[in-house]
Amino acid sequence: MDPRFQELLLLYAQADTKPAQDEIEKTLWDEFGTNGTVLVMDMSGFSRLTQKYGIVHYLSMVLRMQLTSQPIIESLGGRVVKFEADNCFALFDRVLPAVQAAVRLNTAFEAINRFTEDAFDIRVAIGIDYGGVLLTGGPDYFGDVVNSASKLGEDVAGPGEILLTRRAFQQIPPEAGYTGKPITPLLSGVRIEAYSLEYSRQAP
């Protein structure tokens, strides 16, 4: 974490008035905030696979996921903020490249799965949101959009599914030709408007 980021967080904790906290929070967002598209990818069914085949099997699949996903994300202008367990957290400037990356990721894993035994097949679920993000100066980021993308990808989406919040889906240019099925998942006890992206899930 950036030392300046840490300094501001400590000042916020020590501030004795709400206006002082608000001013420090504004400074944090001014210095470390950005608008961006968060993509969170989760490997499906891994608790079950780990119990059945063991940790080495799990780690080998996580490594294959990382080696496959990072080049795809970077080729579309995104960056991997971090890999955490069987999750990938990425950041894009715009929504469209994130959606294109999500489709390519699923397509790539479907293609790879044709040549592996079922026990080694990789299937992923993806959540996407757009809005304000705090970059810590280290391998992490924070904000409501990170939380919502994480919950969509980890808790709501099924294997091969790409879910976007309404605000993210509205950022996709109409000429891109993507459509989505409206859904209202429950996130942290609150119903939100979201979309399940409609696309071909079969590898070419």
N, C-alpha and C. Protein backbone atom coordinates (compact mmCIF):
# COMPACT_ATOMS: atom_id res chain seq x y z
N MET A 1 0.83 -1.19 0.00
CA MET A 1 0.00 0.00 0.00
C MET A 1 0.87 1.25 0.00
N ASP A 2 0.51 2.22 -0.81
CA ASP A 2 1.26 3.47 -0.90
C ASP A 2 1.33 4.15 0.47
N PRO A 3 2.53 4.64 0.87
CA PRO A 3 2.65 5.30 2.19
C PRO A 3 1.71 6.48 2.35
N ARG A 4 1.47 7.23 1.28
CA ARG A 4 0.56 8.37 1.36
C ARG A 4 -0.87 7.88 1.62
N PHE A 5 -1.24 6.78 0.99
CA PHE A 5 -2.56 6.20 1.21
C PHE A 5 -2.71 5.81 2.67
N GLN A 6 -1.70 5.16 3.23
CA GLN A 6 -1.72 4.77 4.64
C GLN A 6 -1.83 5.99 5.55
N GLU A 7 -1.07 7.03 5.21
CA GLU A 7 -1.08 8.26 6.02
C GLU A 7 -2.49 8.86 6.08
N LEU A 8 -3.14 8.92 4.93
CA LEU A 8 -4.48 9.51 4.89
C LEU A 8 -5.48 8.65 5.66
N LEU A 9 -5.34 7.32 5.58
CA LEU A 9 -6.23 6.45 6.34
C LEU A 9 -6.06 6.66 7.85
N LEU A 10 -4.82 6.82 8.29
CA LEU A 10 -4.57 7.06 9.72
C LEU A 10 -5.13 8.41 10.14
N LEU A 11 -4.97 9.42 9.29
CA LEU A 11 -5.52 10.74 9.61
C LEU A 11 -7.04 10.68 9.70
N TYR A 12 -7.64 9.89 8.80
CA TYR A 12 -9.10 9.74 8.83
C TYR A 12 -9.54 9.12 10.15
N ALA A 13 -8.83 8.10 10.60
CA ALA A 13 -9.19 7.42 11.85
C ALA A 13 -9.02 8.34 13.05
N GLN A 14 -8.08 9.30 12.96
CA GLN A 14 -7.80 10.19 14.09
C GLN A 14 -8.64 11.46 14.07
N ALA A 15 -9.29 11.73 12.93
CA ALA A 15 -10.09 12.95 12.83
C ALA A 15 -11.25 12.90 13.81
N ASP A 16 -11.52 14.03 14.48
CA ASP A 16 -12.54 14.03 15.53
C ASP A 16 -13.84 14.68 15.11
N THR A 17 -13.94 15.09 13.84
CA THR A 17 -15.20 15.66 13.35
C THR A 17 -15.54 15.06 12.00
N LYS A 18 -16.83 15.04 11.70
CA LYS A 18 -17.27 14.53 10.40
C LYS A 18 -16.76 15.39 9.24
N PRO A 19 -16.78 16.71 9.33
CA PRO A 19 -16.22 17.52 8.24
C PRO A 19 -14.75 17.21 7.97
N ALA A 20 -13.99 16.96 9.02
CA ALA A 20 -12.57 16.64 8.84
C ALA A 20 -12.43 15.29 8.12
N GLN A 21 -13.24 14.32 8.50
CA GLN A 21 -13.22 13.03 7.82
C GLN A 21 -13.61 13.17 6.35
N ASP A 22 -14.64 13.97 6.10
CA ASP A 22 -15.10 14.18 4.72
C ASP A 22 -13.99 14.79 3.87
N GLU A 23 -13.25 15.72 4.43
CA GLU A 23 -12.17 16.36 3.69
C GLU A 23 -11.05 15.38 3.38
N ILE A 24 -10.71 14.53 4.35
CA ILE A 24 -9.68 13.52 4.12
C ILE A 24 -10.14 12.50 3.09
N GLU A 25 -11.42 12.10 3.16
CA GLU A 25 -11.95 11.16 2.18
C GLU A 25 -11.89 11.76 0.78
N LYS A 26 -12.22 13.04 0.66
CA LYS A 26 -12.14 13.71 -0.64
C LYS A 26 -10.71 13.70 -1.17
N THR A 27 -9.75 13.95 -0.28
CA THR A 27 -8.35 13.92 -0.69
C THR A 27 -7.94 12.54 -1.17
N LEU A 28 -8.40 11.51 -0.46
CA LEU A 28 -8.10 10.13 -0.88
C LEU A 28 -8.61 9.87 -2.29
N TRP A 29 -9.86 10.25 -2.54
CA TRP A 29 -10.43 10.02 -3.87
C TRP A 29 -9.74 10.87 -4.93
N ASP A 30 -9.38 12.11 -4.58
CA ASP A 30 -8.69 12.98 -5.54
C ASP A 30 -7.33 12.40 -5.93
N GLU A 31 -6.62 11.83 -4.96
CA GLU A 31 -5.26 11.37 -5.21
C GLU A 31 -5.19 9.92 -5.69
N PHE A 32 -6.15 9.10 -5.29
CA PHE A 32 -6.05 7.66 -5.58
C PHE A 32 -7.28 7.10 -6.30
N GLY A 33 -8.28 7.92 -6.53
CA GLY A 33 -9.50 7.43 -7.15
C GLY A 33 -9.49 7.51 -8.67
N THR A 34 -10.25 6.65 -9.30
CA THR A 34 -10.42 6.68 -10.75
C THR A 34 -11.76 6.04 -11.09
N ASN A 35 -12.26 6.35 -12.26
CA ASN A 35 -13.43 5.62 -12.78
C ASN A 35 -12.92 4.49 -13.65
N GLY A 36 -13.43 3.32 -13.44
CA GLY A 36 -12.96 2.18 -14.21
C GLY A 36 -13.95 1.04 -14.18
N THR A 37 -13.61 0.00 -14.92
CA THR A 37 -14.44 -1.20 -15.01
C THR A 37 -13.74 -2.33 -14.28
N VAL A 38 -14.42 -2.89 -13.32
CA VAL A 38 -13.88 -3.99 -12.53
C VAL A 38 -14.43 -5.31 -13.07
N LEU A 39 -13.54 -6.23 -13.34
CA LEU A 39 -13.90 -7.60 -13.74
C LEU A 39 -13.38 -8.55 -12.69
N VAL A 40 -14.26 -9.37 -12.15
CA VAL A 40 -13.87 -10.38 -11.17
C VAL A 40 -14.28 -11.75 -11.70
N MET A 41 -13.31 -12.62 -11.83
CA MET A 41 -13.54 -13.97 -12.36
C MET A 41 -13.30 -15.00 -11.27
N ASP A 42 -14.22 -15.93 -11.15
CA ASP A 42 -14.14 -16.97 -10.13
C ASP A 42 -14.20 -18.34 -10.80
N MET A 43 -13.33 -19.24 -10.41
CA MET A 43 -13.35 -20.60 -10.94
C MET A 43 -14.45 -21.38 -10.24
N SER A 44 -15.29 -22.02 -11.02
CA SER A 44 -16.48 -22.68 -10.47
C SER A 44 -16.16 -24.08 -9.95
N GLY A 45 -16.77 -24.43 -8.82
CA GLY A 45 -16.72 -25.79 -8.31
C GLY A 45 -15.43 -26.20 -7.66
N PHE A 46 -14.65 -25.23 -7.17
CA PHE A 46 -13.33 -25.62 -6.71
C PHE A 46 -13.28 -26.19 -5.30
N SER A 47 -14.21 -25.83 -4.46
CA SER A 47 -14.23 -26.47 -3.14
C SER A 47 -14.44 -27.97 -3.29
N ARG A 48 -15.37 -28.32 -4.17
CA ARG A 48 -15.66 -29.74 -4.40
C ARG A 48 -14.46 -30.46 -5.02
N LEU A 49 -13.83 -29.80 -6.02
CA LEU A 49 -12.69 -30.43 -6.69
C LEU A 49 -11.52 -30.61 -5.74
N THR A 50 -11.29 -29.62 -4.87
CA THR A 50 -10.17 -29.72 -3.93
C THR A 50 -10.40 -30.86 -2.96
N GLN A 51 -11.63 -31.00 -2.47
CA GLN A 51 -11.93 -32.10 -1.55
C GLN A 51 -11.75 -33.45 -2.23
N LYS A 52 -12.09 -33.51 -3.51
CA LYS A 52 -12.05 -34.79 -4.21
C LYS A 52 -10.64 -35.16 -4.67
N TYR A 53 -9.87 -34.16 -5.16
CA TYR A 53 -8.58 -34.48 -5.79
C TYR A 53 -7.36 -33.95 -5.03
N GLY A 54 -7.56 -33.06 -4.06
CA GLY A 54 -6.43 -32.60 -3.27
C GLY A 54 -5.90 -31.24 -3.70
N ILE A 55 -5.02 -30.68 -2.88
CA ILE A 55 -4.54 -29.31 -3.06
C ILE A 55 -3.62 -29.17 -4.27
N VAL A 56 -2.82 -30.19 -4.58
CA VAL A 56 -1.91 -30.08 -5.73
C VAL A 56 -2.71 -29.98 -7.02
N HIS A 57 -3.74 -30.78 -7.12
CA HIS A 57 -4.63 -30.70 -8.28
C HIS A 57 -5.22 -29.29 -8.40
N TYR A 58 -5.69 -28.76 -7.27
CA TYR A 58 -6.26 -27.41 -7.23
C TYR A 58 -5.25 -26.38 -7.69
N LEU A 59 -4.03 -26.44 -7.15
CA LEU A 59 -3.01 -25.45 -7.49
C LEU A 59 -2.60 -25.52 -8.95
N SER A 60 -2.57 -26.72 -9.51
CA SER A 60 -2.21 -26.85 -10.93
C SER A 60 -3.25 -26.19 -11.82
N MET A 61 -4.52 -26.30 -11.43
CA MET A 61 -5.58 -25.68 -12.22
C MET A 61 -5.58 -24.16 -12.05
N VAL A 62 -5.30 -23.69 -10.85
CA VAL A 62 -5.21 -22.25 -10.62
C VAL A 62 -4.10 -21.65 -11.47
N LEU A 63 -2.96 -22.33 -11.54
CA LEU A 63 -1.85 -21.84 -12.36
C LEU A 63 -2.25 -21.78 -13.83
N ARG A 64 -2.93 -22.79 -14.33
CA ARG A 64 -3.38 -22.78 -15.72
C ARG A 64 -4.36 -21.65 -15.97
N MET A 65 -5.23 -21.39 -15.00
CA MET A 65 -6.16 -20.27 -15.12
C MET A 65 -5.40 -18.95 -15.23
N GLN A 66 -4.40 -18.77 -14.38
CA GLN A 66 -3.63 -17.52 -14.39
C GLN A 66 -2.87 -17.33 -15.70
N LEU A 67 -2.22 -18.40 -16.17
CA LEU A 67 -1.43 -18.30 -17.39
C LEU A 67 -2.30 -18.06 -18.62
N THR A 68 -3.54 -18.50 -18.57
CA THR A 68 -4.46 -18.30 -19.69
C THR A 68 -5.11 -16.92 -19.63
N SER A 69 -5.51 -16.49 -18.45
CA SER A 69 -6.31 -15.27 -18.34
C SER A 69 -5.51 -13.98 -18.46
N GLN A 70 -4.30 -13.94 -17.92
CA GLN A 70 -3.57 -12.67 -17.92
C GLN A 70 -3.29 -12.15 -19.33
N PRO A 71 -2.80 -12.96 -20.27
CA PRO A 71 -2.57 -12.44 -21.62
C PRO A 71 -3.85 -11.96 -22.30
N ILE A 72 -4.96 -12.64 -22.06
CA ILE A 72 -6.22 -12.22 -22.67
C ILE A 72 -6.64 -10.85 -22.14
N ILE A 73 -6.57 -10.68 -20.84
CA ILE A 73 -6.94 -9.40 -20.21
C ILE A 73 -6.04 -8.28 -20.71
N GLU A 74 -4.74 -8.52 -20.75
CA GLU A 74 -3.79 -7.48 -21.16
C GLU A 74 -3.92 -7.16 -22.65
N SER A 75 -4.30 -8.14 -23.46
CA SER A 75 -4.43 -7.89 -24.90
C SER A 75 -5.57 -6.93 -25.21
N LEU A 76 -6.50 -6.76 -24.26
CA LEU A 76 -7.63 -5.86 -24.46
C LEU A 76 -7.50 -4.60 -23.61
N GLY A 77 -6.29 -4.31 -23.18
CA GLY A 77 -6.02 -3.07 -22.48
C GLY A 77 -6.30 -3.08 -20.99
N GLY A 78 -6.64 -4.24 -20.44
CA GLY A 78 -6.87 -4.33 -19.01
C GLY A 78 -5.60 -4.71 -18.28
N ARG A 79 -5.70 -4.71 -16.99
CA ARG A 79 -4.56 -5.19 -16.19
C ARG A 79 -5.07 -6.04 -15.03
N VAL A 80 -4.32 -7.07 -14.74
CA VAL A 80 -4.65 -7.91 -13.59
C VAL A 80 -4.17 -7.18 -12.34
N VAL A 81 -5.09 -6.84 -11.48
CA VAL A 81 -4.73 -6.18 -10.22
C VAL A 81 -4.15 -7.21 -9.25
N LYS A 82 -4.79 -8.38 -9.22
CA LYS A 82 -4.27 -9.45 -8.35
C LYS A 82 -4.96 -10.76 -8.71
N PHE A 83 -4.26 -11.85 -8.42
CA PHE A 83 -4.86 -13.17 -8.35
C PHE A 83 -4.98 -13.52 -6.88
N GLU A 84 -6.14 -14.01 -6.49
CA GLU A 84 -6.35 -14.36 -5.09
C GLU A 84 -7.09 -15.70 -5.06
N ALA A 85 -6.38 -16.72 -4.56
CA ALA A 85 -6.92 -18.09 -4.58
C ALA A 85 -7.33 -18.42 -6.02
N ASP A 86 -8.60 -18.80 -6.23
CA ASP A 86 -9.02 -19.14 -7.59
C ASP A 86 -9.77 -18.00 -8.25
N ASN A 87 -9.50 -16.77 -7.82
CA ASN A 87 -10.13 -15.59 -8.39
C ASN A 87 -9.12 -14.73 -9.13
N CYS A 88 -9.62 -14.02 -10.14
CA CYS A 88 -8.82 -13.03 -10.86
C CYS A 88 -9.54 -11.68 -10.76
N PHE A 89 -8.82 -10.67 -10.33
CA PHE A 89 -9.36 -9.31 -10.21
C PHE A 89 -8.65 -8.43 -11.23
N ALA A 90 -9.42 -7.84 -12.15
CA ALA A 90 -8.83 -7.04 -13.22
C ALA A 90 -9.50 -5.68 -13.30
N LEU A 91 -8.82 -4.74 -13.97
CA LEU A 91 -9.34 -3.38 -14.11
C LEU A 91 -9.16 -2.92 -15.56
N PHE A 92 -10.23 -2.35 -16.11
CA PHE A 92 -10.23 -1.80 -17.47
C PHE A 92 -10.70 -0.35 -17.41
N ASP A 93 -10.28 0.44 -18.39
CA ASP A 93 -10.75 1.82 -18.45
C ASP A 93 -12.23 1.88 -18.84
N ARG A 94 -12.65 1.01 -19.74
CA ARG A 94 -14.02 1.04 -20.26
C ARG A 94 -14.67 -0.33 -20.11
N VAL A 95 -15.99 -0.35 -20.26
CA VAL A 95 -16.74 -1.59 -20.08
C VAL A 95 -16.58 -2.52 -21.27
N LEU A 96 -16.63 -1.98 -22.49
CA LEU A 96 -16.62 -2.85 -23.67
C LEU A 96 -15.41 -3.78 -23.70
N PRO A 97 -14.17 -3.30 -23.49
CA PRO A 97 -13.04 -4.23 -23.49
C PRO A 97 -13.15 -5.30 -22.39
N ALA A 98 -13.74 -4.93 -21.26
CA ALA A 98 -13.92 -5.91 -20.18
C ALA A 98 -14.89 -7.00 -20.60
N VAL A 99 -15.97 -6.61 -21.29
CA VAL A 99 -16.94 -7.58 -21.78
C VAL A 99 -16.29 -8.48 -22.83
N GLN A 100 -15.52 -7.87 -23.73
CA GLN A 100 -14.84 -8.66 -24.76
C GLN A 100 -13.86 -9.64 -24.13
N ALA A 101 -13.16 -9.19 -23.08
CA ALA A 101 -12.24 -10.08 -22.38
C ALA A 101 -12.99 -11.22 -21.71
N ALA A 102 -14.13 -10.92 -21.10
CA ALA A 102 -14.92 -11.95 -20.43
C ALA A 102 -15.36 -13.03 -21.41
N VAL A 103 -15.82 -12.60 -22.59
CA VAL A 103 -16.24 -13.57 -23.61
C VAL A 103 -15.05 -14.40 -24.08
N ARG A 104 -13.92 -13.75 -24.31
CA ARG A 104 -12.73 -14.48 -24.77
C ARG A 104 -12.24 -15.45 -23.71
N LEU A 105 -12.33 -15.07 -22.44
CA LEU A 105 -11.91 -15.97 -21.37
C LEU A 105 -12.74 -17.24 -21.38
N ASN A 106 -14.05 -17.08 -21.44
CA ASN A 106 -14.91 -18.26 -21.47
C ASN A 106 -14.67 -19.10 -22.72
N THR A 107 -14.49 -18.43 -23.85
CA THR A 107 -14.22 -19.16 -25.09
C THR A 107 -12.90 -19.92 -25.01
N ALA A 108 -11.88 -19.29 -24.43
CA ALA A 108 -10.57 -19.93 -24.31
C ALA A 108 -10.65 -21.16 -23.41
N PHE A 109 -11.34 -21.05 -22.29
CA PHE A 109 -11.42 -22.19 -21.38
C PHE A 109 -12.26 -23.32 -21.99
N GLU A 110 -13.31 -22.97 -22.71
CA GLU A 110 -14.10 -24.00 -23.39
C GLU A 110 -13.23 -24.75 -24.40
N ALA A 111 -12.37 -24.03 -25.12
CA ALA A 111 -11.48 -24.66 -26.09
C ALA A 111 -10.47 -25.57 -25.41
N ILE A 112 -9.89 -25.09 -24.31
CA ILE A 112 -8.91 -25.88 -23.57
C ILE A 112 -9.55 -27.14 -23.00
N ASN A 113 -10.78 -27.00 -22.53
CA ASN A 113 -11.47 -28.13 -21.90
C ASN A 113 -11.70 -29.29 -22.86
N ARG A 114 -11.68 -29.01 -24.14
CA ARG A 114 -11.86 -30.09 -25.12
C ARG A 114 -10.71 -31.08 -25.08
N PHE A 115 -9.57 -30.64 -24.55
CA PHE A 115 -8.37 -31.47 -24.59
C PHE A 115 -7.93 -31.94 -23.20
N THR A 116 -8.79 -31.74 -22.20
CA THR A 116 -8.46 -32.18 -20.85
C THR A 116 -9.53 -33.15 -20.35
N GLU A 117 -9.12 -33.97 -19.41
CA GLU A 117 -10.09 -34.82 -18.72
C GLU A 117 -11.03 -33.93 -17.90
N ASP A 118 -12.20 -34.44 -17.60
CA ASP A 118 -13.20 -33.65 -16.87
C ASP A 118 -12.65 -33.09 -15.57
N ALA A 119 -11.82 -33.85 -14.91
CA ALA A 119 -11.28 -33.42 -13.62
C ALA A 119 -10.40 -32.18 -13.74
N PHE A 120 -9.92 -31.89 -14.95
CA PHE A 120 -9.04 -30.75 -15.16
C PHE A 120 -9.73 -29.62 -15.92
N ASP A 121 -11.01 -29.77 -16.24
CA ASP A 121 -11.73 -28.72 -16.95
C ASP A 121 -11.85 -27.47 -16.08
N ILE A 122 -11.63 -26.32 -16.71
CA ILE A 122 -11.76 -25.04 -16.01
C ILE A 122 -13.00 -24.32 -16.51
N ARG A 123 -13.89 -23.99 -15.59
CA ARG A 123 -15.06 -23.20 -15.91
C ARG A 123 -15.11 -22.01 -14.97
N VAL A 124 -15.47 -20.85 -15.52
CA VAL A 124 -15.40 -19.63 -14.72
C VAL A 124 -16.72 -18.88 -14.75
N ALA A 125 -16.93 -18.11 -13.71
CA ALA A 125 -18.07 -17.19 -13.61
C ALA A 125 -17.50 -15.79 -13.45
N ILE A 126 -18.14 -14.80 -14.10
CA ILE A 126 -17.56 -13.46 -14.16
C ILE A 126 -18.59 -12.41 -13.79
N GLY A 127 -18.16 -11.44 -12.96
CA GLY A 127 -18.96 -10.28 -12.61
C GLY A 127 -18.26 -9.01 -13.05
N ILE A 128 -19.03 -8.03 -13.53
CA ILE A 128 -18.47 -6.78 -14.04
C ILE A 128 -19.29 -5.61 -13.50
N ASP A 129 -18.60 -4.56 -13.05
CA ASP A 129 -19.26 -3.32 -12.65
C ASP A 129 -18.38 -2.14 -13.06
N TYR A 130 -19.01 -0.97 -13.10
CA TYR A 130 -18.30 0.24 -13.54
C TYR A 130 -18.57 1.37 -12.55
N GLY A 131 -17.52 2.12 -12.22
CA GLY A 131 -17.69 3.27 -11.33
C GLY A 131 -16.39 3.65 -10.65
N GLY A 132 -16.52 4.33 -9.51
CA GLY A 132 -15.35 4.81 -8.80
C GLY A 132 -14.58 3.71 -8.09
N VAL A 133 -13.26 3.75 -8.25
CA VAL A 133 -12.38 2.73 -7.65
C VAL A 133 -11.22 3.44 -6.96
N LEU A 134 -10.88 2.99 -5.77
CA LEU A 134 -9.70 3.48 -5.07
C LEU A 134 -8.54 2.53 -5.31
N LEU A 135 -7.45 3.06 -5.89
CA LEU A 135 -6.24 2.27 -6.11
C LEU A 135 -5.28 2.55 -4.96
N THR A 136 -4.81 1.51 -4.31
CA THR A 136 -4.04 1.69 -3.08
C THR A 136 -2.55 1.93 -3.32
N GLY A 137 -2.11 1.83 -4.56
CA GLY A 137 -0.68 1.91 -4.82
C GLY A 137 0.00 0.56 -4.68
N GLY A 138 -0.77 -0.47 -4.38
CA GLY A 138 -0.26 -1.84 -4.29
C GLY A 138 -1.16 -2.75 -5.07
N PRO A 139 -1.01 -4.05 -4.90
CA PRO A 139 -1.83 -5.00 -5.67
C PRO A 139 -3.23 -5.17 -5.09
N ASP A 140 -4.00 -4.08 -5.11
CA ASP A 140 -5.36 -4.17 -4.61
C ASP A 140 -6.14 -2.94 -5.04
N TYR A 141 -7.46 -3.01 -4.95
CA TYR A 141 -8.33 -1.87 -5.20
C TYR A 141 -9.60 -2.05 -4.40
N PHE A 142 -10.29 -0.93 -4.16
CA PHE A 142 -11.45 -0.95 -3.29
C PHE A 142 -12.55 -0.05 -3.85
N GLY A 143 -13.77 -0.32 -3.39
CA GLY A 143 -14.91 0.49 -3.78
C GLY A 143 -16.15 -0.36 -3.92
N ASP A 144 -17.30 0.30 -3.98
CA ASP A 144 -18.55 -0.43 -4.14
C ASP A 144 -18.56 -1.28 -5.39
N VAL A 145 -17.92 -0.80 -6.46
CA VAL A 145 -17.94 -1.55 -7.72
C VAL A 145 -17.12 -2.83 -7.61
N VAL A 146 -16.06 -2.80 -6.80
CA VAL A 146 -15.28 -4.02 -6.57
C VAL A 146 -16.14 -5.03 -5.81
N ASN A 147 -16.85 -4.54 -4.81
CA ASN A 147 -17.70 -5.44 -4.02
C ASN A 147 -18.81 -6.06 -4.87
N SER A 148 -19.47 -5.24 -5.69
CA SER A 148 -20.59 -5.77 -6.48
C SER A 148 -20.10 -6.72 -7.56
N ALA A 149 -18.98 -6.39 -8.23
CA ALA A 149 -18.44 -7.30 -9.24
C ALA A 149 -18.02 -8.62 -8.60
N SER A 150 -17.45 -8.55 -7.41
CA SER A 150 -17.03 -9.76 -6.70
C SER A 150 -18.23 -10.64 -6.36
N LYS A 151 -19.27 -10.03 -5.84
CA LYS A 151 -20.45 -10.81 -5.46
C LYS A 151 -21.14 -11.41 -6.69
N LEU A 152 -21.21 -10.65 -7.78
CA LEU A 152 -21.81 -11.18 -9.00
C LEU A 152 -21.00 -12.37 -9.52
N GLY A 153 -19.68 -12.22 -9.55
CA GLY A 153 -18.83 -13.27 -10.09
C GLY A 153 -18.70 -14.48 -9.19
N GLU A 154 -18.63 -14.24 -7.89
CA GLU A 154 -18.37 -15.34 -6.96
C GLU A 154 -19.64 -16.00 -6.43
N ASP A 155 -20.68 -15.20 -6.21
CA ASP A 155 -21.85 -15.71 -5.50
C ASP A 155 -23.07 -15.94 -6.39
N VAL A 156 -23.17 -15.21 -7.49
CA VAL A 156 -24.40 -15.25 -8.28
C VAL A 156 -24.23 -15.97 -9.61
N ALA A 157 -23.19 -15.63 -10.36
CA ALA A 157 -23.00 -16.19 -11.70
C ALA A 157 -22.70 -17.68 -11.65
N GLY A 158 -23.25 -18.39 -12.64
CA GLY A 158 -22.95 -19.79 -12.80
C GLY A 158 -21.80 -19.99 -13.76
N PRO A 159 -21.34 -21.23 -13.95
CA PRO A 159 -20.25 -21.50 -14.88
C PRO A 159 -20.58 -20.99 -16.28
N GLY A 160 -19.65 -20.24 -16.86
CA GLY A 160 -19.83 -19.70 -18.20
C GLY A 160 -20.67 -18.44 -18.25
N GLU A 161 -21.17 -17.98 -17.10
CA GLU A 161 -22.06 -16.81 -17.10
C GLU A 161 -21.28 -15.52 -16.85
N ILE A 162 -21.69 -14.46 -17.53
CA ILE A 162 -21.10 -13.13 -17.37
C ILE A 162 -22.22 -12.20 -16.91
N LEU A 163 -22.10 -11.66 -15.71
CA LEU A 163 -23.12 -10.78 -15.14
C LEU A 163 -22.58 -9.37 -15.02
N LEU A 164 -23.39 -8.40 -15.41
CA LEU A 164 -23.03 -6.99 -15.31
C LEU A 164 -24.10 -6.24 -14.53
N THR A 165 -23.67 -5.28 -13.72
CA THR A 165 -24.64 -4.38 -13.11
C THR A 165 -25.28 -3.54 -14.21
N ARG A 166 -26.42 -2.96 -13.89
CA ARG A 166 -27.13 -2.13 -14.85
C ARG A 166 -26.26 -0.97 -15.32
N ARG A 167 -25.54 -0.32 -14.39
CA ARG A 167 -24.72 0.83 -14.78
C ARG A 167 -23.58 0.42 -15.70
N ALA A 168 -23.07 -0.79 -15.51
CA ALA A 168 -22.02 -1.28 -16.41
C ALA A 168 -22.61 -1.62 -17.77
N PHE A 169 -23.73 -2.32 -17.79
CA PHE A 169 -24.34 -2.72 -19.05
C PHE A 169 -24.69 -1.51 -19.90
N GLN A 170 -25.11 -0.43 -19.27
CA GLN A 170 -25.48 0.78 -20.00
C GLN A 170 -24.27 1.47 -20.64
N GLN A 171 -23.07 1.10 -20.22
CA GLN A 171 -21.86 1.68 -20.80
C GLN A 171 -21.42 0.99 -22.09
N ILE A 172 -22.06 -0.13 -22.43
CA ILE A 172 -21.70 -0.84 -23.66
C ILE A 172 -22.31 -0.10 -24.84
N PRO A 173 -21.50 0.31 -25.84
CA PRO A 173 -22.07 1.00 -27.00
C PRO A 173 -23.05 0.11 -27.75
N PRO A 174 -24.19 0.66 -28.17
CA PRO A 174 -25.19 -0.16 -28.88
C PRO A 174 -24.63 -0.86 -30.10
N GLU A 175 -23.70 -0.18 -30.79
CA GLU A 175 -23.15 -0.76 -32.02
C GLU A 175 -22.30 -2.00 -31.76
N ALA A 176 -21.94 -2.25 -30.48
CA ALA A 176 -21.16 -3.45 -30.16
C ALA A 176 -22.01 -4.71 -30.33
N GLY A 177 -23.32 -4.57 -30.27
CA GLY A 177 -24.21 -5.69 -30.57
C GLY A 177 -24.46 -6.66 -29.44
N TYR A 178 -24.06 -6.32 -28.22
CA TYR A 178 -24.29 -7.23 -27.09
C TYR A 178 -25.70 -7.04 -26.52
N THR A 179 -26.30 -8.12 -26.14
CA THR A 179 -27.60 -8.09 -25.47
C THR A 179 -27.49 -8.81 -24.13
N GLY A 180 -28.46 -8.53 -23.27
CA GLY A 180 -28.43 -9.16 -21.97
C GLY A 180 -29.82 -9.42 -21.44
N LYS A 181 -29.92 -10.44 -20.61
CA LYS A 181 -31.19 -10.78 -19.98
C LYS A 181 -31.25 -10.10 -18.61
N PRO A 182 -32.27 -9.25 -18.36
CA PRO A 182 -32.37 -8.57 -17.07
C PRO A 182 -32.57 -9.57 -15.92
N ILE A 183 -31.86 -9.33 -14.83
CA ILE A 183 -32.01 -10.13 -13.62
C ILE A 183 -31.99 -9.19 -12.42
N THR A 184 -32.44 -9.65 -11.27
CA THR A 184 -32.41 -8.84 -10.05
C THR A 184 -31.82 -9.65 -8.91
N PRO A 185 -30.51 -9.86 -8.92
CA PRO A 185 -29.88 -10.66 -7.86
C PRO A 185 -29.88 -9.92 -6.53
N LEU A 186 -29.74 -10.68 -5.47
CA LEU A 186 -29.66 -10.13 -4.12
C LEU A 186 -28.19 -9.99 -3.74
N LEU A 187 -27.74 -8.75 -3.53
CA LEU A 187 -26.36 -8.49 -3.12
C LEU A 187 -26.36 -7.81 -1.76
N SER A 188 -25.76 -8.47 -0.79
CA SER A 188 -25.69 -7.93 0.58
C SER A 188 -27.06 -7.52 1.09
N GLY A 189 -28.06 -8.35 0.77
CA GLY A 189 -29.40 -8.10 1.26
C GLY A 189 -30.21 -7.10 0.47
N VAL A 190 -29.64 -6.60 -0.64
CA VAL A 190 -30.33 -5.60 -1.46
C VAL A 190 -30.49 -6.12 -2.88
N ARG A 191 -31.70 -6.01 -3.43
CA ARG A 191 -31.93 -6.38 -4.82
C ARG A 191 -31.37 -5.30 -5.74
N ILE A 192 -30.60 -5.70 -6.75
CA ILE A 192 -30.08 -4.73 -7.71
C ILE A 192 -30.49 -5.15 -9.12
N GLU A 193 -30.44 -4.19 -10.04
CA GLU A 193 -30.70 -4.47 -11.44
C GLU A 193 -29.39 -4.88 -12.10
N ALA A 194 -29.43 -5.97 -12.80
CA ALA A 194 -28.23 -6.47 -13.47
C ALA A 194 -28.65 -7.17 -14.76
N TYR A 195 -27.64 -7.63 -15.51
CA TYR A 195 -27.89 -8.31 -16.78
C TYR A 195 -26.97 -9.52 -16.91
N SER A 196 -27.54 -10.58 -17.44
CA SER A 196 -26.75 -11.75 -17.82
C SER A 196 -26.45 -11.63 -19.31
N LEU A 197 -25.18 -11.50 -19.65
CA LEU A 197 -24.79 -11.27 -21.04
C LEU A 197 -25.15 -12.47 -21.90
N GLU A 198 -25.73 -12.19 -23.05
CA GLU A 198 -26.09 -13.26 -23.98
C GLU A 198 -25.02 -13.33 -25.06
N TYR A 199 -24.39 -14.48 -25.18
CA TYR A 199 -23.31 -14.69 -26.14
C TYR A 199 -23.17 -16.18 -26.38
N SER A 200 -22.45 -16.54 -27.44
CA SER A 200 -22.21 -17.95 -27.74
C SER A 200 -21.19 -18.49 -26.75
N ARG A 201 -21.55 -19.56 -26.05
CA ARG A 201 -20.66 -20.13 -25.04
C ARG A 201 -19.85 -21.30 -25.56
N GLN A 202 -19.93 -21.55 -26.82
CA GLN A 202 -19.18 -22.66 -27.40
C GLN A 202 -17.89 -22.17 -28.05
N ALA A 203 -16.82 -22.89 -27.83
CA ALA A 203 -15.56 -22.55 -28.48
C ALA A 203 -15.68 -22.78 -29.98
N PRO A 204 -15.03 -21.91 -30.79
CA PRO A 204 -15.11 -22.07 -32.24
C PRO A 204 -14.44 -23.34 -32.70
